Amino acid sequence: MELFTPDFGLIFWMFVAFAVLFFVLYKWGWPVIIKGIESRADLIDKGVEYAQNAKEQLDHAREEAEKYIVDARRQQAEMLREADKMKTQIIEDARMAAQKEAQKVMDAAKVSIEQERKEAELSFRNEVSAFALDIAAKVVRNEMKDQKAQSRLVDSLLDDMEKQN
Protein backbone atom coordinates (compact mmCIF):
# COMPACT_ATOMS: atom_id res chain seq x y z
CA MET A 1 0.00 0.00 0.00
CA GLU A 2 2.90 2.26 0.13
CA LEU A 3 2.42 3.12 -3.48
CA PHE A 4 -1.04 4.38 -2.83
CA THR A 5 -0.07 6.43 0.17
CA PRO A 6 3.31 8.01 -0.57
CA ASP A 7 5.56 9.56 2.04
CA PHE A 8 6.34 13.14 2.35
CA GLY A 9 9.97 12.51 1.31
CA LEU A 10 8.93 10.65 -1.80
CA ILE A 11 6.60 13.45 -2.74
CA PHE A 12 9.28 16.02 -2.05
CA TRP A 13 11.89 14.24 -4.21
CA MET A 14 9.37 13.57 -6.92
CA PHE A 15 8.48 17.25 -6.84
CA VAL A 16 12.19 18.25 -7.00
CA ALA A 17 12.78 15.80 -9.85
CA PHE A 18 9.70 17.14 -11.62
CA ALA A 19 10.85 20.77 -11.04
CA VAL A 20 14.33 20.02 -12.40
CA LEU A 21 12.85 18.20 -15.36
CA PHE A 22 10.37 21.02 -15.86
CA PHE A 23 13.17 23.61 -15.58
CA VAL A 24 15.39 21.72 -18.09
CA LEU A 25 12.48 21.29 -20.47
CA TYR A 26 11.44 24.93 -19.96
CA LYS A 27 14.98 26.21 -20.52
CA TRP A 28 16.13 24.00 -23.41
CA GLY A 29 13.35 21.69 -24.59
CA TRP A 30 10.38 23.99 -24.74
CA PRO A 31 12.06 26.62 -26.99
CA VAL A 32 13.18 23.86 -29.40
CA ILE A 33 9.66 22.42 -29.44
CA ILE A 34 8.11 25.89 -29.94
CA LYS A 35 10.66 26.69 -32.61
CA GLY A 36 9.89 23.41 -34.39
CA ILE A 37 6.16 24.06 -34.16
CA GLU A 38 6.61 27.64 -35.39
CA SER A 39 8.86 26.52 -38.27
CA ARG A 40 6.29 23.87 -39.14
CA ALA A 41 3.54 26.51 -38.98
CA ASP A 42 5.64 28.84 -41.13
CA LEU A 43 6.25 26.01 -43.58
CA ILE A 44 2.52 25.31 -43.74
CA ASP A 45 1.77 29.04 -44.14
CA LYS A 46 4.34 29.29 -46.90
CA GLY A 47 2.87 26.20 -48.56
CA VAL A 48 -0.60 27.73 -48.39
CA GLU A 49 0.74 31.04 -49.71
CA TYR A 50 2.63 29.20 -52.47
CA ALA A 51 -0.54 27.29 -53.35
CA GLN A 52 -2.51 30.54 -53.46
CA ASN A 53 0.15 32.17 -55.62
CA ALA A 54 0.19 29.12 -57.86
CA LYS A 55 -3.61 29.28 -58.12
CA GLU A 56 -3.45 33.01 -58.93
CA GLN A 57 -0.74 32.36 -61.52
CA LEU A 58 -2.79 29.55 -62.99
CA ASP A 59 -5.84 31.80 -63.17
CA HIS A 60 -3.72 34.55 -64.69
CA ALA A 61 -2.21 32.05 -67.14
CA ARG A 62 -5.72 30.89 -68.09
CA GLU A 63 -6.78 34.50 -68.66
CA GLU A 64 -3.67 35.11 -70.77
CA ALA A 65 -4.32 31.92 -72.69
CA GLU A 66 -7.90 33.03 -73.34
CA LYS A 67 -6.61 36.41 -74.51
CA TYR A 68 -4.13 34.70 -76.82
CA ILE A 69 -6.82 32.38 -78.14
CA VAL A 70 -9.18 35.31 -78.76
CA ASP A 71 -6.33 37.26 -80.39
CA ALA A 72 -5.34 34.24 -82.49
CA ARG A 73 -8.94 33.78 -83.61
CA ARG A 74 -9.18 37.47 -84.47
CA GLN A 75 -5.93 37.27 -86.42
CA GLN A 76 -7.13 34.12 -88.16
CA ALA A 77 -10.37 35.85 -89.14
CA GLU A 78 -8.39 38.88 -90.31
CA MET A 79 -6.06 36.66 -92.34
CA LEU A 80 -9.06 34.88 -93.89
CA ARG A 81 -10.65 38.23 -94.77
CA GLU A 82 -7.35 39.44 -96.21
CA ALA A 83 -6.95 36.20 -98.20
CA ASP A 84 -10.50 36.59 -99.50
CA LYS A 85 -9.75 40.19 -100.51
CA MET A 86 -6.55 39.07 -102.21
CA LYS A 87 -8.43 36.28 -104.00
CA THR A 88 -11.07 38.74 -105.16
CA GLN A 89 -8.38 41.21 -106.24
CA ILE A 90 -6.46 38.53 -108.14
CA ILE A 91 -9.63 37.39 -109.88
CA GLU A 92 -10.51 40.99 -110.71
CA ASP A 93 -6.98 41.66 -111.99
CA ALA A 94 -7.09 38.52 -114.11
CA ARG A 95 -10.50 39.52 -115.45
CA MET A 96 -9.23 43.02 -116.29
CA ALA A 97 -6.10 41.59 -117.94
CA ALA A 98 -8.24 39.20 -119.97
CA GLN A 99 -10.54 42.04 -121.01
CA LYS A 100 -7.54 44.18 -122.01
CA GLU A 101 -6.05 41.30 -123.96
CA ALA A 102 -9.40 40.62 -125.64
CA GLN A 103 -9.71 44.32 -126.47
CA LYS A 104 -6.19 44.29 -127.96
CA VAL A 105 -7.06 41.24 -130.04
CA MET A 106 -10.31 42.87 -131.17
CA ASP A 107 -8.51 46.13 -131.98
CA ALA A 108 -5.84 44.22 -133.91
CA ALA A 109 -8.60 42.33 -135.76
CA LYS A 110 -10.40 45.61 -136.55
CA VAL A 111 -7.16 47.13 -137.86
CA SER A 112 -6.47 44.01 -139.89
CA ILE A 113 -10.01 43.99 -141.26
CA GLU A 114 -9.78 47.70 -142.08
CA GLN A 115 -6.45 47.17 -143.89
CA GLU A 116 -7.82 44.24 -145.83
CA ARG A 117 -10.93 46.27 -146.70
CA LYS A 118 -8.77 49.17 -147.95
CA GLU A 119 -6.59 46.77 -149.91
CA ALA A 120 -9.68 45.15 -151.39
CA GLU A 121 -11.11 48.58 -152.20
CA LEU A 122 -7.84 49.64 -153.83
CA SER A 123 -7.67 46.38 -155.74
CA PHE A 124 -11.29 46.84 -156.84
CA ARG A 125 -10.58 50.42 -157.98
CA ASN A 126 -7.51 49.30 -159.89
CA GLU A 127 -9.46 46.55 -161.60
CA VAL A 128 -12.37 48.89 -162.37
CA SER A 129 -9.88 51.46 -163.67
CA ALA A 130 -8.19 48.84 -165.81
CA PHE A 131 -11.56 47.72 -167.19
CA ALA A 132 -12.60 51.32 -167.77
CA LEU A 133 -9.35 52.05 -169.59
CA ASP A 134 -9.73 48.91 -171.68
CA ILE A 135 -13.31 49.88 -172.52
CA ALA A 136 -12.27 53.49 -173.20
CA ALA A 137 -9.38 52.34 -175.37
CA LYS A 138 -11.71 50.12 -177.38
CA VAL A 139 -14.29 52.90 -177.70
CA VAL A 140 -11.65 55.47 -178.65
CA ARG A 141 -10.16 53.11 -181.25
CA ASN A 142 -13.56 52.63 -182.78
CA GLU A 143 -14.37 56.32 -182.66
CA MET A 144 -10.97 57.54 -183.75
CA LYS A 145 -10.69 55.61 -186.90
CA ASP A 146 -11.36 58.69 -189.02
CA GLN A 147 -9.30 61.90 -189.17
CA LYS A 148 -12.14 64.30 -188.31
CA ALA A 149 -12.92 62.58 -184.98
CA GLN A 150 -9.28 62.74 -184.00
CA SER A 151 -9.12 66.49 -184.73
CA ARG A 152 -12.26 67.17 -182.74
CA LEU A 153 -10.86 65.23 -179.75
CA VAL A 154 -7.55 67.12 -179.83
CA ASP A 155 -9.37 70.47 -180.13
CA SER A 156 -11.68 69.70 -177.19
CA LEU A 157 -8.74 68.62 -175.05
CA LEU A 158 -6.88 71.83 -175.87
CA ASP A 159 -9.96 73.90 -175.04
CA ASP A 160 -10.31 72.09 -171.67
CA MET A 161 -6.68 72.77 -170.85
CA GLU A 162 -7.06 76.47 -171.63
CA LYS A 163 -10.10 76.68 -169.38
CA GLN A 164 -8.27 75.09 -166.48
CA ASN A 165 -5.32 77.49 -166.70
C-alpha atoms as a PDB file:
ATOM      1  CA  MET A   1       0.000   0.000   0.000  1.00  0.00           C
ATOM      2  CA  GLU A   2       2.898   2.258   0.135  1.00  0.00           C
ATOM      3  CA  LEU A   3       2.421   3.121  -3.479  1.00  0.00           C
ATOM      4  CA  PHE A   4      -1.035   4.379  -2.832  1.00  0.00           C
ATOM      5  CA  THR A   5      -0.070   6.434   0.171  1.00  0.00           C
ATOM      6  CA  PRO A   6       3.308   8.005  -0.569  1.00  0.00           C
ATOM      7  CA  ASP A   7       5.557   9.558   2.042  1.00  0.00           C
ATOM      8  CA  PHE A   8       6.344  13.138   2.353  1.00  0.00           C
ATOM      9  CA  GLY A   9       9.974  12.510   1.306  1.00  0.00           C
ATOM     10  CA  LEU A  10       8.932  10.647  -1.799  1.00  0.00           C
ATOM     11  CA  ILE A  11       6.597  13.450  -2.743  1.00  0.00           C
ATOM     12  CA  PHE A  12       9.280  16.017  -2.052  1.00  0.00           C
ATOM     13  CA  TRP A  13      11.888  14.243  -4.207  1.00  0.00           C
ATOM     14  CA  MET A  14       9.372  13.575  -6.924  1.00  0.00           C
ATOM     15  CA  PHE A  15       8.483  17.246  -6.840  1.00  0.00           C
ATOM     16  CA  VAL A  16      12.193  18.254  -7.002  1.00  0.00           C
ATOM     17  CA  ALA A  17      12.783  15.805  -9.852  1.00  0.00           C
ATOM     18  CA  PHE A  18       9.698  17.140 -11.623  1.00  0.00           C
ATOM     19  CA  ALA A  19      10.854  20.768 -11.041  1.00  0.00           C
ATOM     20  CA  VAL A  20      14.330  20.020 -12.396  1.00  0.00           C
ATOM     21  CA  LEU A  21      12.846  18.197 -15.358  1.00  0.00           C
ATOM     22  CA  PHE A  22      10.365  21.024 -15.856  1.00  0.00           C
ATOM     23  CA  PHE A  23      13.173  23.613 -15.583  1.00  0.00           C
ATOM     24  CA  VAL A  24      15.386  21.719 -18.086  1.00  0.00           C
ATOM     25  CA  LEU A  25      12.478  21.295 -20.467  1.00  0.00           C
ATOM     26  CA  TYR A  26      11.443  24.929 -19.957  1.00  0.00           C
ATOM     27  CA  LYS A  27      14.979  26.209 -20.524  1.00  0.00           C
ATOM     28  CA  TRP A  28      16.126  23.998 -23.413  1.00  0.00           C
ATOM     29  CA  GLY A  29      13.355  21.688 -24.585  1.00  0.00           C
ATOM     30  CA  TRP A  30      10.384  23.993 -24.739  1.00  0.00           C
ATOM     31  CA  PRO A  31      12.059  26.623 -26.992  1.00  0.00           C
ATOM     32  CA  VAL A  32      13.178  23.862 -29.402  1.00  0.00           C
ATOM     33  CA  ILE A  33       9.661  22.415 -29.444  1.00  0.00           C
ATOM     34  CA  ILE A  34       8.111  25.889 -29.938  1.00  0.00           C
ATOM     35  CA  LYS A  35      10.662  26.695 -32.611  1.00  0.00           C
ATOM     36  CA  GLY A  36       9.894  23.412 -34.391  1.00  0.00           C
ATOM     37  CA  ILE A  37       6.160  24.064 -34.157  1.00  0.00           C
ATOM     38  CA  GLU A  38       6.614  27.642 -35.388  1.00  0.00           C
ATOM     39  CA  SER A  39       8.861  26.519 -38.266  1.00  0.00           C
ATOM     40  CA  ARG A  40       6.286  23.868 -39.138  1.00  0.00           C
ATOM     41  CA  ALA A  41       3.537  26.514 -38.981  1.00  0.00           C
ATOM     42  CA  ASP A  42       5.645  28.844 -41.135  1.00  0.00           C
ATOM     43  CA  LEU A  43       6.252  26.015 -43.579  1.00  0.00           C
ATOM     44  CA  ILE A  44       2.524  25.312 -43.736  1.00  0.00           C
ATOM     45  CA  ASP A  45       1.768  29.035 -44.140  1.00  0.00           C
ATOM     46  CA  LYS A  46       4.345  29.289 -46.903  1.00  0.00           C
ATOM     47  CA  GLY A  47       2.874  26.203 -48.562  1.00  0.00           C
ATOM     48  CA  VAL A  48      -0.599  27.726 -48.393  1.00  0.00           C
ATOM     49  CA  GLU A  49       0.743  31.037 -49.714  1.00  0.00           C
ATOM     50  CA  TYR A  50       2.630  29.196 -52.468  1.00  0.00           C
ATOM     51  CA  ALA A  51      -0.535  27.293 -53.353  1.00  0.00           C
ATOM     52  CA  GLN A  52      -2.510  30.542 -53.463  1.00  0.00           C
ATOM     53  CA  ASN A  53       0.152  32.168 -55.619  1.00  0.00           C
ATOM     54  CA  ALA A  54       0.187  29.116 -57.863  1.00  0.00           C
ATOM     55  CA  LYS A  55      -3.606  29.282 -58.123  1.00  0.00           C
ATOM     56  CA  GLU A  56      -3.448  33.006 -58.933  1.00  0.00           C
ATOM     57  CA  GLN A  57      -0.738  32.364 -61.516  1.00  0.00           C
ATOM     58  CA  LEU A  58      -2.787  29.550 -62.995  1.00  0.00           C
ATOM     59  CA  ASP A  59      -5.842  31.800 -63.168  1.00  0.00           C
ATOM     60  CA  HIS A  60      -3.721  34.554 -64.690  1.00  0.00           C
ATOM     61  CA  ALA A  61      -2.215  32.053 -67.145  1.00  0.00           C
ATOM     62  CA  ARG A  62      -5.723  30.889 -68.089  1.00  0.00           C
ATOM     63  CA  GLU A  63      -6.779  34.504 -68.663  1.00  0.00           C
ATOM     64  CA  GLU A  64      -3.666  35.112 -70.768  1.00  0.00           C
ATOM     65  CA  ALA A  65      -4.316  31.916 -72.693  1.00  0.00           C
ATOM     66  CA  GLU A  66      -7.901  33.031 -73.338  1.00  0.00           C
ATOM     67  CA  LYS A  67      -6.612  36.411 -74.507  1.00  0.00           C
ATOM     68  CA  TYR A  68      -4.125  34.698 -76.819  1.00  0.00           C
ATOM     69  CA  ILE A  69      -6.818  32.379 -78.138  1.00  0.00           C
ATOM     70  CA  VAL A  70      -9.176  35.306 -78.759  1.00  0.00           C
ATOM     71  CA  ASP A  71      -6.334  37.259 -80.388  1.00  0.00           C
ATOM     72  CA  ALA A  72      -5.339  34.241 -82.491  1.00  0.00           C
ATOM     73  CA  ARG A  73      -8.941  33.775 -83.614  1.00  0.00           C
ATOM     74  CA  ARG A  74      -9.179  37.465 -84.465  1.00  0.00           C
ATOM     75  CA  GLN A  75      -5.929  37.274 -86.423  1.00  0.00           C
ATOM     76  CA  GLN A  76      -7.133  34.125 -88.156  1.00  0.00           C
ATOM     77  CA  ALA A  77     -10.369  35.850 -89.136  1.00  0.00           C
ATOM     78  CA  GLU A  78      -8.394  38.884 -90.311  1.00  0.00           C
ATOM     79  CA  MET A  79      -6.064  36.659 -92.344  1.00  0.00           C
ATOM     80  CA  LEU A  80      -9.058  34.884 -93.890  1.00  0.00           C
ATOM     81  CA  ARG A  81     -10.649  38.227 -94.770  1.00  0.00           C
ATOM     82  CA  GLU A  82      -7.349  39.438 -96.209  1.00  0.00           C
ATOM     83  CA  ALA A  83      -6.947  36.205 -98.199  1.00  0.00           C
ATOM     84  CA  ASP A  84     -10.498  36.591 -99.503  1.00  0.00           C
ATOM     85  CA  LYS A  85      -9.749  40.186-100.511  1.00  0.00           C
ATOM     86  CA  MET A  86      -6.551  39.070-102.210  1.00  0.00           C
ATOM     87  CA  LYS A  87      -8.430  36.280-104.001  1.00  0.00           C
ATOM     88  CA  THR A  88     -11.074  38.740-105.161  1.00  0.00           C
ATOM     89  CA  GLN A  89      -8.382  41.206-106.242  1.00  0.00           C
ATOM     90  CA  ILE A  90      -6.457  38.529-108.135  1.00  0.00           C
ATOM     91  CA  ILE A  91      -9.632  37.391-109.877  1.00  0.00           C
ATOM     92  CA  GLU A  92     -10.513  40.987-110.711  1.00  0.00           C
ATOM     93  CA  ASP A  93      -6.982  41.663-111.991  1.00  0.00           C
ATOM     94  CA  ALA A  94      -7.088  38.524-114.114  1.00  0.00           C
ATOM     95  CA  ARG A  95     -10.501  39.524-115.450  1.00  0.00           C
ATOM     96  CA  MET A  96      -9.230  43.022-116.292  1.00  0.00           C
ATOM     97  CA  ALA A  97      -6.103  41.594-117.936  1.00  0.00           C
ATOM     98  CA  ALA A  98      -8.243  39.200-119.969  1.00  0.00           C
ATOM     99  CA  GLN A  99     -10.536  42.042-121.007  1.00  0.00           C
ATOM    100  CA  LYS A 100      -7.544  44.180-122.015  1.00  0.00           C
ATOM    101  CA  GLU A 101      -6.047  41.302-123.961  1.00  0.00           C
ATOM    102  CA  ALA A 102      -9.399  40.617-125.636  1.00  0.00           C
ATOM    103  CA  GLN A 103      -9.709  44.320-126.467  1.00  0.00           C
ATOM    104  CA  LYS A 104      -6.189  44.288-127.964  1.00  0.00           C
ATOM    105  CA  VAL A 105      -7.063  41.242-130.043  1.00  0.00           C
ATOM    106  CA  MET A 106     -10.308  42.869-131.173  1.00  0.00           C
ATOM    107  CA  ASP A 107      -8.505  46.131-131.984  1.00  0.00           C
ATOM    108  CA  ALA A 108      -5.845  44.220-133.913  1.00  0.00           C
ATOM    109  CA  ALA A 109      -8.597  42.327-135.765  1.00  0.00           C
ATOM    110  CA  LYS A 110     -10.395  45.605-136.555  1.00  0.00           C
ATOM    111  CA  VAL A 111      -7.164  47.135-137.859  1.00  0.00           C
ATOM    112  CA  SER A 112      -6.468  44.013-139.890  1.00  0.00           C
ATOM    113  CA  ILE A 113     -10.009  43.991-141.258  1.00  0.00           C
ATOM    114  CA  GLU A 114      -9.777  47.699-142.083  1.00  0.00           C
ATOM    115  CA  GLN A 115      -6.451  47.166-143.887  1.00  0.00           C
ATOM    116  CA  GLU A 116      -7.825  44.237-145.832  1.00  0.00           C
ATOM    117  CA  ARG A 117     -10.935  46.275-146.699  1.00  0.00           C
ATOM    118  CA  LYS A 118      -8.766  49.168-147.948  1.00  0.00           C
ATOM    119  CA  GLU A 119      -6.586  46.769-149.910  1.00  0.00           C
ATOM    120  CA  ALA A 120      -9.683  45.147-151.392  1.00  0.00           C
ATOM    121  CA  GLU A 121     -11.105  48.582-152.201  1.00  0.00           C
ATOM    122  CA  LEU A 122      -7.838  49.641-153.832  1.00  0.00           C
ATOM    123  CA  SER A 123      -7.666  46.384-155.744  1.00  0.00           C
ATOM    124  CA  PHE A 124     -11.286  46.842-156.835  1.00  0.00           C
ATOM    125  CA  ARG A 125     -10.580  50.424-157.980  1.00  0.00           C
ATOM    126  CA  ASN A 126      -7.512  49.302-159.889  1.00  0.00           C
ATOM    127  CA  GLU A 127      -9.461  46.548-161.597  1.00  0.00           C
ATOM    128  CA  VAL A 128     -12.367  48.893-162.374  1.00  0.00           C
ATOM    129  CA  SER A 129      -9.880  51.465-163.672  1.00  0.00           C
ATOM    130  CA  ALA A 130      -8.186  48.842-165.813  1.00  0.00           C
ATOM    131  CA  PHE A 131     -11.561  47.716-167.188  1.00  0.00           C
ATOM    132  CA  ALA A 132     -12.603  51.323-167.767  1.00  0.00           C
ATOM    133  CA  LEU A 133      -9.352  52.047-169.586  1.00  0.00           C
ATOM    134  CA  ASP A 134      -9.733  48.912-171.684  1.00  0.00           C
ATOM    135  CA  ILE A 135     -13.305  49.876-172.519  1.00  0.00           C
ATOM    136  CA  ALA A 136     -12.269  53.486-173.195  1.00  0.00           C
ATOM    137  CA  ALA A 137      -9.384  52.337-175.367  1.00  0.00           C
ATOM    138  CA  LYS A 138     -11.708  50.119-177.380  1.00  0.00           C
ATOM    139  CA  VAL A 139     -14.292  52.905-177.699  1.00  0.00           C
ATOM    140  CA  VAL A 140     -11.647  55.468-178.651  1.00  0.00           C
ATOM    141  CA  ARG A 141     -10.157  53.106-181.254  1.00  0.00           C
ATOM    142  CA  ASN A 142     -13.564  52.629-182.784  1.00  0.00           C
ATOM    143  CA  GLU A 143     -14.369  56.321-182.660  1.00  0.00           C
ATOM    144  CA  MET A 144     -10.974  57.542-183.746  1.00  0.00           C
ATOM    145  CA  LYS A 145     -10.689  55.613-186.903  1.00  0.00           C
ATOM    146  CA  ASP A 146     -11.364  58.686-189.018  1.00  0.00           C
ATOM    147  CA  GLN A 147      -9.299  61.896-189.169  1.00  0.00           C
ATOM    148  CA  LYS A 148     -12.142  64.301-188.305  1.00  0.00           C
ATOM    149  CA  ALA A 149     -12.920  62.582-184.983  1.00  0.00           C
ATOM    150  CA  GLN A 150      -9.275  62.741-184.001  1.00  0.00           C
ATOM    151  CA  SER A 151      -9.118  66.494-184.728  1.00  0.00           C
ATOM    152  CA  ARG A 152     -12.260  67.166-182.739  1.00  0.00           C
ATOM    153  CA  LEU A 153     -10.859  65.232-179.750  1.00  0.00           C
ATOM    154  CA  VAL A 154      -7.545  67.118-179.827  1.00  0.00           C
ATOM    155  CA  ASP A 155      -9.374  70.466-180.132  1.00  0.00           C
ATOM    156  CA  SER A 156     -11.682  69.699-177.192  1.00  0.00           C
ATOM    157  CA  LEU A 157      -8.737  68.621-175.051  1.00  0.00           C
ATOM    158  CA  LEU A 158      -6.881  71.829-175.869  1.00  0.00           C
ATOM    159  CA  ASP A 159      -9.961  73.902-175.041  1.00  0.00           C
ATOM    160  CA  ASP A 160     -10.315  72.087-171.667  1.00  0.00           C
ATOM    161  CA  MET A 161      -6.677  72.775-170.855  1.00  0.00           C
ATOM    162  CA  GLU A 162      -7.062  76.473-171.633  1.00  0.00           C
ATOM    163  CA  LYS A 163     -10.097  76.682-169.378  1.00  0.00           C
ATOM    164  CA  GLN A 164      -8.275  75.092-166.482  1.00  0.00           C
ATOM    165  CA  ASN A 165      -5.316  77.492-166.698  1.00  0.00           C
END
